[in-house]
N, C-alpha and C. Protein backbone atom coordinates (compact mmCIF):
# COMPACT_ATOMS: atom_id res chain seq x y z
N MET A 1 -80.14 -69.28 155.58
CA MET A 1 -80.54 -69.89 154.33
C MET A 1 -79.31 -70.54 153.69
N SER A 2 -79.52 -71.69 153.10
CA SER A 2 -78.41 -72.40 152.48
C SER A 2 -78.14 -71.88 151.07
N LEU A 3 -77.02 -72.26 150.52
CA LEU A 3 -76.67 -71.89 149.15
C LEU A 3 -77.75 -72.38 148.19
N GLY A 4 -78.14 -73.63 148.33
CA GLY A 4 -79.15 -74.20 147.44
C GLY A 4 -80.47 -73.47 147.52
N GLU A 5 -80.89 -73.13 148.73
CA GLU A 5 -82.14 -72.38 148.90
C GLU A 5 -82.05 -71.01 148.25
N THR A 6 -80.91 -70.35 148.42
CA THR A 6 -80.71 -69.03 147.82
C THR A 6 -80.78 -69.11 146.30
N VAL A 7 -80.08 -70.07 145.72
CA VAL A 7 -80.07 -70.23 144.26
C VAL A 7 -81.49 -70.56 143.77
N SER A 8 -82.14 -71.52 144.41
CA SER A 8 -83.48 -71.93 144.00
C SER A 8 -84.48 -70.79 144.13
N ASP A 9 -84.50 -70.13 145.27
CA ASP A 9 -85.46 -69.05 145.50
C ASP A 9 -85.28 -67.91 144.49
N ASN A 10 -84.03 -67.50 144.25
CA ASN A 10 -83.79 -66.40 143.33
C ASN A 10 -84.05 -66.80 141.88
N ARG A 11 -83.76 -68.03 141.54
CA ARG A 11 -84.06 -68.51 140.18
C ARG A 11 -85.57 -68.44 139.94
N LYS A 12 -86.33 -68.91 140.91
CA LYS A 12 -87.79 -68.90 140.78
C LYS A 12 -88.34 -67.48 140.74
N LYS A 13 -87.78 -66.58 141.56
CA LYS A 13 -88.23 -65.18 141.55
C LYS A 13 -88.03 -64.54 140.19
N LEU A 14 -86.97 -64.96 139.49
CA LEU A 14 -86.67 -64.41 138.16
C LEU A 14 -87.41 -65.14 137.05
N GLY A 15 -88.17 -66.18 137.40
CA GLY A 15 -88.94 -66.92 136.41
C GLY A 15 -88.11 -67.79 135.50
N LEU A 16 -86.97 -68.27 135.99
CA LEU A 16 -86.08 -69.11 135.19
C LEU A 16 -86.28 -70.58 135.52
N THR A 17 -86.23 -71.43 134.53
CA THR A 17 -86.22 -72.86 134.78
C THR A 17 -84.79 -73.28 135.11
N GLN A 18 -84.64 -74.46 135.69
CA GLN A 18 -83.29 -74.96 135.95
C GLN A 18 -82.52 -75.11 134.64
N LYS A 19 -83.20 -75.61 133.62
CA LYS A 19 -82.54 -75.81 132.33
C LYS A 19 -82.05 -74.48 131.75
N HIS A 20 -82.88 -73.45 131.81
CA HIS A 20 -82.50 -72.14 131.25
C HIS A 20 -81.33 -71.54 132.03
N LEU A 21 -81.40 -71.59 133.36
CA LEU A 21 -80.29 -71.05 134.15
C LEU A 21 -79.01 -71.84 133.90
N ALA A 22 -79.11 -73.16 133.87
CA ALA A 22 -77.92 -73.98 133.64
C ALA A 22 -77.23 -73.64 132.32
N GLN A 23 -78.02 -73.34 131.30
CA GLN A 23 -77.45 -72.99 130.00
C GLN A 23 -76.67 -71.68 130.04
N ARG A 24 -76.96 -70.82 131.02
CA ARG A 24 -76.28 -69.52 131.13
C ARG A 24 -74.99 -69.60 131.95
N ILE A 25 -74.75 -70.73 132.61
CA ILE A 25 -73.59 -70.89 133.47
C ILE A 25 -72.57 -71.80 132.79
N GLN A 26 -71.40 -71.27 132.52
CA GLN A 26 -70.38 -72.04 131.82
C GLN A 26 -69.24 -72.44 132.74
N LYS A 27 -68.78 -73.67 132.55
CA LYS A 27 -67.60 -74.16 133.24
C LYS A 27 -66.36 -73.53 132.60
N GLU A 28 -65.22 -73.80 133.19
CA GLU A 28 -63.97 -73.22 132.69
C GLU A 28 -63.70 -73.60 131.24
N ASP A 29 -64.19 -74.77 130.81
CA ASP A 29 -63.94 -75.21 129.43
C ASP A 29 -64.94 -74.62 128.43
N GLY A 30 -65.85 -73.77 128.91
CA GLY A 30 -66.82 -73.13 128.04
C GLY A 30 -68.13 -73.87 127.88
N ALA A 31 -68.19 -75.10 128.34
CA ALA A 31 -69.43 -75.89 128.26
C ALA A 31 -70.37 -75.47 129.39
N PRO A 32 -71.67 -75.44 129.10
CA PRO A 32 -72.60 -75.08 130.17
C PRO A 32 -72.71 -76.20 131.20
N ILE A 33 -73.07 -75.82 132.43
CA ILE A 33 -73.34 -76.85 133.44
C ILE A 33 -74.65 -77.53 133.05
N THR A 34 -74.88 -78.70 133.59
CA THR A 34 -76.12 -79.42 133.28
C THR A 34 -77.22 -79.00 134.26
N ALA A 35 -78.46 -79.22 133.83
CA ALA A 35 -79.59 -78.95 134.72
C ALA A 35 -79.51 -79.85 135.95
N GLN A 36 -79.00 -81.06 135.80
CA GLN A 36 -78.87 -81.97 136.94
C GLN A 36 -77.85 -81.43 137.95
N TYR A 37 -76.75 -80.88 137.46
CA TYR A 37 -75.75 -80.29 138.35
C TYR A 37 -76.37 -79.12 139.12
N LEU A 38 -77.14 -78.27 138.42
CA LEU A 38 -77.82 -77.17 139.09
C LEU A 38 -78.83 -77.69 140.11
N ASN A 39 -79.55 -78.75 139.76
CA ASN A 39 -80.50 -79.35 140.69
C ASN A 39 -79.78 -79.83 141.94
N ASP A 40 -78.62 -80.44 141.77
CA ASP A 40 -77.83 -80.90 142.92
C ASP A 40 -77.39 -79.72 143.80
N ILE A 41 -77.02 -78.60 143.18
CA ILE A 41 -76.66 -77.41 143.94
C ILE A 41 -77.87 -76.92 144.72
N GLU A 42 -79.02 -76.83 144.07
CA GLU A 42 -80.23 -76.31 144.71
C GLU A 42 -80.71 -77.19 145.86
N HIS A 43 -80.39 -78.48 145.81
CA HIS A 43 -80.78 -79.38 146.89
C HIS A 43 -79.62 -79.64 147.86
N ASP A 44 -78.60 -78.80 147.76
CA ASP A 44 -77.44 -78.87 148.65
C ASP A 44 -76.75 -80.23 148.65
N ARG A 45 -76.80 -80.91 147.51
CA ARG A 45 -76.06 -82.16 147.36
C ARG A 45 -74.65 -81.91 146.82
N ARG A 46 -74.45 -80.71 146.21
CA ARG A 46 -73.15 -80.32 145.69
C ARG A 46 -72.99 -78.83 145.89
N SER A 47 -71.76 -78.39 145.93
CA SER A 47 -71.44 -76.96 145.94
C SER A 47 -70.86 -76.60 144.59
N PRO A 48 -70.96 -75.34 144.19
CA PRO A 48 -70.31 -74.95 142.93
C PRO A 48 -68.84 -75.33 142.98
N SER A 49 -68.36 -75.89 141.87
CA SER A 49 -67.00 -76.44 141.86
C SER A 49 -65.91 -75.41 141.68
N SER A 50 -66.27 -74.17 141.35
CA SER A 50 -65.23 -73.17 141.13
C SER A 50 -65.77 -71.76 141.35
N PRO A 51 -64.86 -70.82 141.57
CA PRO A 51 -65.27 -69.42 141.67
C PRO A 51 -65.95 -68.93 140.39
N VAL A 52 -65.56 -69.47 139.23
CA VAL A 52 -66.16 -69.07 137.96
C VAL A 52 -67.67 -69.34 138.00
N ILE A 53 -68.05 -70.48 138.51
CA ILE A 53 -69.47 -70.84 138.57
C ILE A 53 -70.19 -69.98 139.60
N ILE A 54 -69.57 -69.74 140.74
CA ILE A 54 -70.19 -68.88 141.76
C ILE A 54 -70.44 -67.49 141.20
N GLU A 55 -69.46 -66.92 140.52
CA GLU A 55 -69.60 -65.58 139.96
C GLU A 55 -70.72 -65.52 138.92
N GLN A 56 -70.79 -66.52 138.05
CA GLN A 56 -71.83 -66.53 137.02
C GLN A 56 -73.22 -66.73 137.62
N LEU A 57 -73.32 -67.60 138.63
CA LEU A 57 -74.61 -67.78 139.31
C LEU A 57 -75.07 -66.47 139.92
N ALA A 58 -74.16 -65.80 140.60
CA ALA A 58 -74.52 -64.53 141.24
C ALA A 58 -75.02 -63.52 140.21
N LYS A 59 -74.30 -63.40 139.11
CA LYS A 59 -74.70 -62.44 138.08
C LYS A 59 -76.06 -62.81 137.49
N ALA A 60 -76.23 -64.06 137.15
CA ALA A 60 -77.49 -64.51 136.53
C ALA A 60 -78.68 -64.36 137.48
N LEU A 61 -78.42 -64.50 138.79
CA LEU A 61 -79.49 -64.43 139.78
C LEU A 61 -79.61 -63.05 140.42
N GLN A 62 -78.80 -62.10 139.94
CA GLN A 62 -78.82 -60.73 140.44
C GLN A 62 -78.55 -60.68 141.95
N LEU A 63 -77.51 -61.41 142.34
CA LEU A 63 -77.09 -61.48 143.74
C LEU A 63 -75.67 -60.96 143.88
N GLU A 64 -75.33 -60.58 145.08
CA GLU A 64 -73.93 -60.24 145.38
C GLU A 64 -73.16 -61.56 145.48
N PRO A 65 -72.04 -61.70 144.77
CA PRO A 65 -71.30 -62.96 144.83
C PRO A 65 -70.78 -63.29 146.23
N GLU A 66 -70.55 -62.26 147.04
CA GLU A 66 -70.06 -62.50 148.40
C GLU A 66 -71.00 -63.42 149.19
N VAL A 67 -72.29 -63.26 148.95
CA VAL A 67 -73.27 -64.10 149.65
C VAL A 67 -73.08 -65.56 149.26
N LEU A 68 -72.94 -65.82 147.96
CA LEU A 68 -72.76 -67.20 147.51
C LEU A 68 -71.42 -67.78 147.95
N TYR A 69 -70.37 -66.95 147.93
CA TYR A 69 -69.08 -67.43 148.45
C TYR A 69 -69.22 -67.85 149.91
N PHE A 70 -69.86 -67.01 150.67
CA PHE A 70 -70.05 -67.32 152.08
C PHE A 70 -70.85 -68.61 152.25
N GLN A 71 -71.97 -68.70 151.53
CA GLN A 71 -72.83 -69.88 151.67
C GLN A 71 -72.17 -71.15 151.14
N ALA A 72 -71.24 -71.01 150.19
CA ALA A 72 -70.51 -72.17 149.67
C ALA A 72 -69.40 -72.60 150.62
N GLY A 73 -69.14 -71.80 151.65
CA GLY A 73 -68.10 -72.15 152.62
C GLY A 73 -66.70 -71.91 152.11
N THR A 74 -66.55 -70.97 151.21
CA THR A 74 -65.22 -70.69 150.67
C THR A 74 -64.57 -69.54 151.43
N LEU A 75 -64.47 -69.75 152.74
CA LEU A 75 -63.86 -68.80 153.65
C LEU A 75 -62.87 -69.53 154.54
N PRO A 76 -62.02 -68.79 155.21
CA PRO A 76 -61.11 -69.44 156.16
C PRO A 76 -61.91 -70.22 157.21
N SER A 77 -61.31 -71.29 157.72
CA SER A 77 -62.02 -72.18 158.64
C SER A 77 -62.58 -71.47 159.87
N ASP A 78 -61.92 -70.41 160.33
CA ASP A 78 -62.43 -69.71 161.52
C ASP A 78 -63.69 -68.90 161.23
N LEU A 79 -64.04 -68.76 159.95
CA LEU A 79 -65.25 -68.03 159.57
C LEU A 79 -66.36 -68.93 159.04
N LYS A 80 -66.08 -70.20 158.83
CA LYS A 80 -67.07 -71.12 158.29
C LYS A 80 -68.14 -71.46 159.31
N ASN A 81 -69.29 -71.82 158.81
CA ASN A 81 -70.42 -72.30 159.61
C ASN A 81 -70.95 -71.29 160.61
N ARG A 82 -70.78 -70.03 160.33
CA ARG A 82 -71.37 -68.99 161.16
C ARG A 82 -72.66 -68.52 160.51
N SER A 83 -73.60 -68.12 161.33
CA SER A 83 -74.84 -67.55 160.81
C SER A 83 -74.67 -66.04 160.82
N VAL A 84 -74.47 -65.48 159.64
CA VAL A 84 -74.22 -64.06 159.49
C VAL A 84 -75.20 -63.49 158.47
N PRO A 85 -75.85 -62.37 158.79
CA PRO A 85 -76.75 -61.77 157.81
C PRO A 85 -76.02 -61.42 156.51
N SER A 86 -76.74 -61.53 155.40
CA SER A 86 -76.14 -61.28 154.08
C SER A 86 -75.48 -59.91 154.00
N GLU A 87 -76.12 -58.91 154.59
CA GLU A 87 -75.57 -57.55 154.52
C GLU A 87 -74.20 -57.48 155.18
N ARG A 88 -74.01 -58.20 156.28
CA ARG A 88 -72.70 -58.20 156.95
C ARG A 88 -71.66 -58.93 156.13
N VAL A 89 -72.10 -60.00 155.43
CA VAL A 89 -71.18 -60.74 154.58
C VAL A 89 -70.69 -59.83 153.44
N VAL A 90 -71.62 -59.13 152.78
CA VAL A 90 -71.26 -58.23 151.69
C VAL A 90 -70.31 -57.14 152.21
N ALA A 91 -70.65 -56.54 153.35
CA ALA A 91 -69.81 -55.48 153.91
C ALA A 91 -68.42 -55.99 154.24
N ALA A 92 -68.34 -57.19 154.79
CA ALA A 92 -67.04 -57.76 155.15
C ALA A 92 -66.17 -57.99 153.91
N PHE A 93 -66.75 -58.54 152.84
CA PHE A 93 -65.99 -58.75 151.62
C PHE A 93 -65.57 -57.42 150.98
N GLN A 94 -66.45 -56.44 151.02
CA GLN A 94 -66.10 -55.13 150.46
C GLN A 94 -64.96 -54.50 151.26
N ALA A 95 -65.03 -54.59 152.57
CA ALA A 95 -63.96 -54.04 153.42
C ALA A 95 -62.65 -54.80 153.16
N PHE A 96 -62.74 -56.11 153.00
CA PHE A 96 -61.56 -56.92 152.72
C PHE A 96 -60.91 -56.49 151.41
N ARG A 97 -61.71 -56.34 150.38
CA ARG A 97 -61.17 -55.89 149.09
C ARG A 97 -60.56 -54.49 149.19
N LYS A 98 -61.20 -53.62 149.93
CA LYS A 98 -60.67 -52.26 150.09
C LYS A 98 -59.31 -52.29 150.79
N GLN A 99 -59.19 -53.13 151.81
CA GLN A 99 -57.93 -53.25 152.53
C GLN A 99 -56.81 -53.78 151.63
N LEU A 100 -57.20 -54.61 150.67
CA LEU A 100 -56.20 -55.17 149.75
C LEU A 100 -55.90 -54.24 148.58
N GLY A 101 -56.64 -53.12 148.51
CA GLY A 101 -56.41 -52.16 147.45
C GLY A 101 -56.99 -52.59 146.12
N GLY A 102 -58.04 -53.39 146.16
CA GLY A 102 -58.62 -53.81 144.89
C GLY A 102 -60.05 -53.93 145.01
């Protein structure tokens, strides 16, 4: 499943409109993202522009952020474009954080 599909599917499961979800996601400058920007993410025309947006999307959609990081391709090149179940992605990020002591 793509990042856009994940965001769209979970938004719909929670009964949120694009406009309502967009208003809950703030850029670094404190301004909310636009519904059009969210629409572009959901249709895989854009990726979230920063970790701040990925983290807020995950929280608002009740998802593990590791899944969205993975789907956004924010991993080392040797790990990109692999088809990995979400549970393995979450476990890998948790193990990585544990190894780093945080």
